[in-house]
Amino acid sequence: MENVRRYRALASLCRQEAAYRPLQNWELLGQAEHFEHLADIELKAYFDACNVSQDEDTPAAATREAPVAA
């Protein structure tokens, strides 16, 4: 999660700098987009890892639904 925060902070800095450097704003906005993309990849990997470890910790009997009494 620390990498996600860093990537988002870098993206924010790029967007702020783009506001003050009109001649370089497309390059800086492209860098911001790249950092946001990296943050999304990191976030997806984090949640995928959490879901895998949670699935491994859950016993098979607990994952089945309990029968509903009529």
N, C-alpha and C. Protein backbone atom coordinates (compact mmCIF):
# COMPACT_ATOMS: atom_id res chain seq x y z
N MET A 1 0.82 -1.20 0.00
CA MET A 1 0.00 0.00 0.00
C MET A 1 0.87 1.27 0.00
N GLU A 2 2.08 1.15 0.52
CA GLU A 2 2.96 2.31 0.54
C GLU A 2 3.29 2.76 -0.89
N ASN A 3 3.49 1.80 -1.78
CA ASN A 3 3.77 2.14 -3.18
C ASN A 3 2.60 2.88 -3.82
N VAL A 4 1.39 2.49 -3.47
CA VAL A 4 0.20 3.16 -4.01
C VAL A 4 0.20 4.63 -3.59
N ARG A 5 0.49 4.88 -2.33
CA ARG A 5 0.55 6.26 -1.84
C ARG A 5 1.64 7.06 -2.56
N ARG A 6 2.79 6.42 -2.76
CA ARG A 6 3.89 7.12 -3.43
C ARG A 6 3.54 7.44 -4.88
N TYR A 7 2.98 6.47 -5.60
CA TYR A 7 2.61 6.70 -6.99
C TYR A 7 1.55 7.80 -7.11
N ARG A 8 0.57 7.78 -6.21
CA ARG A 8 -0.47 8.81 -6.26
C ARG A 8 0.10 10.18 -5.91
N ALA A 9 1.06 10.23 -4.98
CA ALA A 9 1.69 11.50 -4.64
C ALA A 9 2.50 12.04 -5.82
N LEU A 10 3.21 11.15 -6.51
CA LEU A 10 3.98 11.57 -7.68
C LEU A 10 3.05 12.06 -8.80
N ALA A 11 1.93 11.38 -8.98
CA ALA A 11 0.96 11.81 -9.99
C ALA A 11 0.42 13.19 -9.64
N SER A 12 0.15 13.42 -8.39
CA SER A 12 -0.36 14.72 -7.95
C SER A 12 0.68 15.81 -8.19
N LEU A 13 1.94 15.52 -7.89
CA LEU A 13 2.99 16.51 -8.12
C LEU A 13 3.14 16.82 -9.61
N CYS A 14 3.03 15.80 -10.44
CA CYS A 14 3.11 16.03 -11.89
C CYS A 14 1.97 16.93 -12.36
N ARG A 15 0.77 16.70 -11.85
CA ARG A 15 -0.38 17.53 -12.25
C ARG A 15 -0.21 18.97 -11.76
N GLN A 16 0.31 19.13 -10.54
CA GLN A 16 0.53 20.48 -10.02
C GLN A 16 1.59 21.21 -10.85
N GLU A 17 2.65 20.51 -11.17
CA GLU A 17 3.71 21.13 -11.96
C GLU A 17 3.22 21.47 -13.36
N ALA A 18 2.34 20.65 -13.91
CA ALA A 18 1.79 20.91 -15.23
C ALA A 18 1.02 22.24 -15.25
N ALA A 19 0.41 22.57 -14.13
CA ALA A 19 -0.33 23.83 -14.06
C ALA A 19 0.60 25.03 -14.14
N TYR A 20 1.85 24.87 -13.71
CA TYR A 20 2.80 25.99 -13.70
C TYR A 20 3.76 25.98 -14.88
N ARG A 21 3.75 24.91 -15.67
CA ARG A 21 4.64 24.81 -16.83
C ARG A 21 3.82 24.49 -18.08
N PRO A 22 3.22 25.50 -18.66
CA PRO A 22 2.33 25.24 -19.80
C PRO A 22 3.03 24.63 -21.01
N LEU A 23 4.32 24.87 -21.19
CA LEU A 23 5.03 24.31 -22.33
C LEU A 23 5.30 22.81 -22.16
N GLN A 24 5.29 22.34 -20.93
CA GLN A 24 5.57 20.92 -20.65
C GLN A 24 4.36 20.19 -20.09
N ASN A 25 3.19 20.82 -20.15
CA ASN A 25 2.06 20.23 -19.44
C ASN A 25 1.64 18.88 -20.00
N TRP A 26 1.75 18.67 -21.33
CA TRP A 26 1.34 17.36 -21.87
C TRP A 26 2.27 16.26 -21.39
N GLU A 27 3.55 16.54 -21.34
CA GLU A 27 4.50 15.54 -20.85
C GLU A 27 4.25 15.23 -19.38
N LEU A 28 4.03 16.27 -18.59
CA LEU A 28 3.80 16.08 -17.15
C LEU A 28 2.47 15.37 -16.89
N LEU A 29 1.45 15.70 -17.67
CA LEU A 29 0.17 15.01 -17.50
C LEU A 29 0.28 13.55 -17.92
N GLY A 30 1.10 13.27 -18.91
CA GLY A 30 1.35 11.89 -19.30
C GLY A 30 2.06 11.12 -18.21
N GLN A 31 3.01 11.77 -17.55
CA GLN A 31 3.69 11.13 -16.43
C GLN A 31 2.72 10.87 -15.28
N ALA A 32 1.82 11.83 -15.03
CA ALA A 32 0.83 11.66 -13.98
C ALA A 32 -0.07 10.46 -14.28
N GLU A 33 -0.47 10.34 -15.54
CA GLU A 33 -1.30 9.21 -15.95
C GLU A 33 -0.55 7.89 -15.75
N HIS A 34 0.74 7.89 -16.07
CA HIS A 34 1.55 6.68 -15.89
C HIS A 34 1.63 6.29 -14.41
N PHE A 35 1.84 7.28 -13.54
CA PHE A 35 1.92 6.98 -12.11
C PHE A 35 0.57 6.48 -11.57
N GLU A 36 -0.53 7.02 -12.06
CA GLU A 36 -1.85 6.53 -11.65
C GLU A 36 -2.05 5.09 -12.11
N HIS A 37 -1.57 4.78 -13.30
CA HIS A 37 -1.67 3.41 -13.81
C HIS A 37 -0.86 2.46 -12.92
N LEU A 38 0.35 2.86 -12.55
CA LEU A 38 1.17 2.04 -11.66
C LEU A 38 0.48 1.84 -10.30
N ALA A 39 -0.16 2.88 -9.80
CA ALA A 39 -0.88 2.78 -8.53
C ALA A 39 -2.03 1.78 -8.64
N ASP A 40 -2.74 1.82 -9.77
CA ASP A 40 -3.84 0.87 -9.98
C ASP A 40 -3.34 -0.57 -10.03
N ILE A 41 -2.20 -0.77 -10.68
CA ILE A 41 -1.62 -2.11 -10.75
C ILE A 41 -1.23 -2.60 -9.35
N GLU A 42 -0.59 -1.74 -8.57
CA GLU A 42 -0.19 -2.09 -7.21
C GLU A 42 -1.41 -2.41 -6.34
N LEU A 43 -2.44 -1.59 -6.48
CA LEU A 43 -3.65 -1.78 -5.68
C LEU A 43 -4.33 -3.10 -6.04
N LYS A 44 -4.40 -3.43 -7.31
CA LYS A 44 -4.99 -4.69 -7.74
C LYS A 44 -4.17 -5.86 -7.22
N ALA A 45 -2.86 -5.77 -7.30
CA ALA A 45 -2.00 -6.84 -6.80
C ALA A 45 -2.18 -7.02 -5.29
N TYR A 46 -2.31 -5.92 -4.57
CA TYR A 46 -2.50 -6.00 -3.12
C TYR A 46 -3.80 -6.73 -2.77
N PHE A 47 -4.90 -6.35 -3.44
CA PHE A 47 -6.18 -6.97 -3.13
C PHE A 47 -6.24 -8.41 -3.62
N ASP A 48 -5.59 -8.70 -4.75
CA ASP A 48 -5.51 -10.09 -5.20
C ASP A 48 -4.78 -10.94 -4.17
N ALA A 49 -3.68 -10.43 -3.64
CA ALA A 49 -2.92 -11.16 -2.63
C ALA A 49 -3.74 -11.34 -1.36
N CYS A 50 -4.49 -10.32 -0.97
CA CYS A 50 -5.35 -10.43 0.22
C CYS A 50 -6.44 -11.47 0.01
N ASN A 51 -7.05 -11.48 -1.17
CA ASN A 51 -8.11 -12.43 -1.44
C ASN A 51 -7.59 -13.85 -1.50
N VAL A 52 -6.40 -14.06 -2.04
CA VAL A 52 -5.82 -15.40 -2.11
C VAL A 52 -5.53 -15.90 -0.70
N SER A 53 -4.92 -15.07 0.13
CA SER A 53 -4.59 -15.51 1.49
C SER A 53 -5.86 -15.73 2.31
N GLN A 54 -6.89 -14.95 2.06
CA GLN A 54 -8.16 -15.14 2.77
C GLN A 54 -8.82 -16.44 2.34
N ASP A 55 -8.77 -16.76 1.06
CA ASP A 55 -9.35 -18.01 0.56
C ASP A 55 -8.61 -19.22 1.13
N GLU A 56 -7.31 -19.11 1.30
CA GLU A 56 -6.53 -20.22 1.85
C GLU A 56 -6.81 -20.42 3.33
N ASP A 57 -7.12 -19.34 4.05
CA ASP A 57 -7.37 -19.42 5.48
C ASP A 57 -8.78 -19.92 5.80
N THR A 58 -9.71 -19.81 4.86
CA THR A 58 -11.09 -20.19 5.09
C THR A 58 -11.25 -21.69 4.87
N PRO A 59 -11.77 -22.43 5.86
CA PRO A 59 -12.00 -23.85 5.66
C PRO A 59 -13.08 -24.08 4.58
N ALA A 60 -13.00 -25.22 3.93
CA ALA A 60 -13.93 -25.54 2.84
C ALA A 60 -15.37 -25.58 3.34
N ALA A 61 -15.60 -26.08 4.54
CA ALA A 61 -16.97 -26.17 5.08
C ALA A 61 -17.56 -24.79 5.31
N ALA A 62 -16.76 -23.82 5.66
CA ALA A 62 -17.26 -22.47 5.94
C ALA A 62 -17.63 -21.74 4.66
N THR A 63 -17.08 -22.15 3.53
CA THR A 63 -17.38 -21.46 2.28
C THR A 63 -18.70 -21.92 1.68
N ARG A 64 -19.17 -23.09 2.06
CA ARG A 64 -20.45 -23.56 1.54
C ARG A 64 -21.58 -22.86 2.25
N GLU A 65 -22.68 -22.66 1.55
CA GLU A 65 -23.83 -22.01 2.16
C GLU A 65 -24.58 -23.02 3.01
N ALA A 66 -25.09 -22.55 4.13
CA ALA A 66 -25.88 -23.40 5.01
C ALA A 66 -27.25 -23.61 4.40
N PRO A 67 -27.82 -24.82 4.55
CA PRO A 67 -29.16 -25.06 4.01
C PRO A 67 -30.20 -24.20 4.71
N VAL A 68 -31.17 -23.78 3.96
CA VAL A 68 -32.24 -22.92 4.48
C VAL A 68 -33.38 -23.82 4.92
N ALA A 69 -33.84 -23.62 6.16
CA ALA A 69 -34.96 -24.42 6.67
C ALA A 69 -36.27 -23.90 6.07
N ALA A 70 -37.12 -24.79 5.65
CA ALA A 70 -38.39 -24.39 5.04
C ALA A 70 -39.47 -24.24 6.05
